[in-house]
Structure formats: structure tokens, C-alpha cells
Amino acid sequence: MNFSEKLKKFMENSIDASREFLEKTSDQAQIWTEMGKLKIEILQLRAKAQSLTAKLGTEVYTLLVEKDEPMIGSSTPEIEPIIKELQELDRAIDEKEALYRSKGGKDKDLDEKM
């Protein structure tokens, strides 16, 4: 094999290796983008759940202290819709977190602020 053939083979191998590297890099960048979006969605859902929890606490306080209700429960009309919404949020958060982990994300990364 003469020099030009060796050079041609080297260049072909280099191009193939570069193409493979770029494909892997592109795939990884897409995964990181998806993970970033999921992390934002999870944090937003958690913030909404935290807000609803505060609303639930306020409503329970109002019923117990201000309205002097002797008995309240999860089916009390004032708090039932809040509890149902919290349960739906909890389910959505679990699903998003599972998807995040399936893409290689770690739970500790979700505890950090963006």
C-alpha cells in the first residue's frame, strides 16, 4: 500500500470515527435536553403541590378553628377537591421522576435548585 492509499484509508477512518462521535454527542445532547425539561416540570409540579398543601392547611385551620367544625375528613366538601388535586399531582410527579431516572437522572439532582 503506497502513501496515498494509506492517507486515503486514514482519512476515511477518521471521517467514520468523527461521524460516530458526532452521532453519539448529538444523542447525548438530546437526552440532556429532555432531562432538563423533565427537571423543570418536576420542580414546577412540586411547587404547585407545596402551594396546594399550604391551601389545604389554611382550609383545615379555617374549618377547625374559625368555623368550629367538630369533625373533618378527606370527604369534607371544602377540602376534598384539594386532596384529589394533590393526589393527581403526586401521581404526575412520580411518573416524571421515573422517566427522569430512566434517562440516567439521579434523585439528588432533583433536590437541587435550578
Protein backbone atom coordinates (compact mmCIF):
# COMPACT_ATOMS: atom_id res chain seq x y z
CA MET A 1 0.00 0.00 0.00
CA ASN A 2 1.53 3.27 -1.07
CA PHE A 3 1.41 6.53 0.86
CA SER A 4 -1.68 7.97 -0.92
CA GLU A 5 -3.65 4.79 -0.26
CA LYS A 6 -2.62 4.84 3.41
CA LEU A 7 -3.59 8.51 3.65
CA LYS A 8 -6.94 7.85 1.97
CA LYS A 9 -7.66 4.95 4.34
CA PHE A 10 -6.64 7.05 7.34
CA MET A 11 -8.96 9.89 6.24
CA GLU A 12 -11.88 7.51 5.68
CA ASN A 13 -11.37 6.01 9.13
CA SER A 14 -11.11 9.49 10.64
CA ILE A 15 -14.32 10.61 8.95
CA ASP A 16 -16.15 7.48 10.12
CA ALA A 17 -14.88 7.97 13.66
CA SER A 18 -15.88 11.65 13.59
CA ARG A 19 -19.34 10.81 12.29
CA GLU A 20 -19.83 8.20 15.00
CA PHE A 21 -18.61 10.62 17.67
CA LEU A 22 -20.95 13.37 16.46
CA GLU A 23 -23.91 10.99 16.41
CA LYS A 24 -23.21 9.91 19.98
CA THR A 25 -22.73 13.52 21.07
CA SER A 26 -25.96 14.55 19.39
CA ASP A 27 -27.85 11.70 21.05
CA GLN A 28 -26.42 12.62 24.45
CA ALA A 29 -27.26 16.30 23.96
CA GLN A 30 -30.85 15.34 23.18
CA ILE A 31 -31.03 13.20 26.33
CA TRP A 32 -29.66 16.07 28.44
CA THR A 33 -32.21 18.44 26.91
CA GLU A 34 -35.03 16.02 27.73
CA MET A 35 -33.70 15.60 31.26
CA GLY A 36 -33.53 19.37 31.72
CA LYS A 37 -37.13 19.75 30.61
CA LEU A 38 -38.23 16.94 32.91
CA LYS A 39 -36.37 18.50 35.83
CA ILE A 40 -38.14 21.82 35.27
CA GLU A 41 -41.52 20.08 35.01
CA ILE A 42 -40.88 18.13 38.21
CA LEU A 43 -39.84 21.24 40.12
CA GLN A 44 -42.91 23.10 38.87
CA LEU A 45 -45.20 20.23 39.90
CA ARG A 46 -43.54 20.09 43.32
CA ALA A 47 -44.01 23.85 43.77
CA LYS A 48 -47.68 23.55 42.85
CA ALA A 49 -48.10 20.65 45.31
CA GLN A 50 -46.43 22.71 48.03
CA SER A 51 -48.79 25.61 47.33
CA LEU A 52 -51.81 23.30 47.44
CA THR A 53 -50.59 21.81 50.70
CA ALA A 54 -50.50 25.30 52.19
CA LYS A 55 -54.00 25.94 50.85
CA LEU A 56 -55.17 22.67 52.40
CA GLY A 57 -53.68 23.67 55.74
CA THR A 58 -55.41 27.04 55.59
CA GLU A 59 -58.74 25.43 54.79
CA VAL A 60 -58.37 22.88 57.60
CA TYR A 61 -57.49 25.67 60.04
CA THR A 62 -60.50 27.69 58.90
CA LEU A 63 -62.82 24.73 59.37
CA LEU A 64 -61.45 23.67 62.75
CA VAL A 65 -60.75 26.99 64.40
CA GLU A 66 -62.78 29.69 62.71
CA LYS A 67 -65.89 27.64 61.85
CA ASP A 68 -65.55 25.36 64.88
CA GLU A 69 -66.26 22.20 62.86
CA PRO A 70 -66.02 19.23 65.22
CA MET A 71 -65.16 16.66 62.54
CA ILE A 72 -63.46 16.99 59.21
CA GLY A 73 -62.09 14.37 56.87
CA SER A 74 -60.91 13.79 53.34
CA SER A 75 -64.50 13.87 52.11
CA THR A 76 -65.30 17.25 53.68
CA PRO A 77 -66.59 19.34 50.75
CA GLU A 78 -64.19 22.23 51.37
CA ILE A 79 -61.06 20.09 51.29
CA GLU A 80 -61.99 17.10 49.12
CA PRO A 81 -61.09 18.79 45.78
CA ILE A 82 -57.76 19.98 47.18
CA ILE A 83 -56.87 16.46 48.33
CA LYS A 84 -57.85 14.97 44.96
CA GLU A 85 -55.71 17.53 43.13
CA LEU A 86 -52.78 16.78 45.45
CA GLN A 87 -53.15 13.07 44.72
CA GLU A 88 -53.12 13.75 40.96
CA LEU A 89 -50.02 15.93 41.33
CA ASP A 90 -48.31 13.24 43.37
CA ARG A 91 -49.01 10.69 40.64
CA ALA A 92 -47.73 13.06 37.93
CA ILE A 93 -44.57 13.79 39.94
CA ASP A 94 -43.91 10.06 40.41
CA GLU A 95 -44.29 9.46 36.66
CA LYS A 96 -41.97 12.34 35.71
CA GLU A 97 -39.37 11.28 38.29
CA ALA A 98 -39.44 7.69 36.98
CA LEU A 99 -38.94 8.95 33.43
CA TYR A 100 -36.11 11.22 34.61
CA ARG A 101 -34.38 8.28 36.31
CA SER A 102 -34.87 6.09 33.22
CA LYS A 103 -32.86 8.63 31.21
CA GLY A 104 -30.00 8.44 33.71
CA GLY A 105 -31.04 11.20 36.10
CA LYS A 106 -30.34 10.94 39.80
CA ASP A 107 -32.75 11.76 42.63
CA LYS A 108 -30.20 14.07 44.27
CA ASP A 109 -30.22 16.24 41.13
CA LEU A 110 -33.93 16.85 41.63
CA ASP A 111 -33.32 18.17 45.13
CA GLU A 112 -31.08 20.95 43.83
CA LYS A 113 -32.50 24.29 42.79
CA MET A 114 -32.06 25.31 39.17
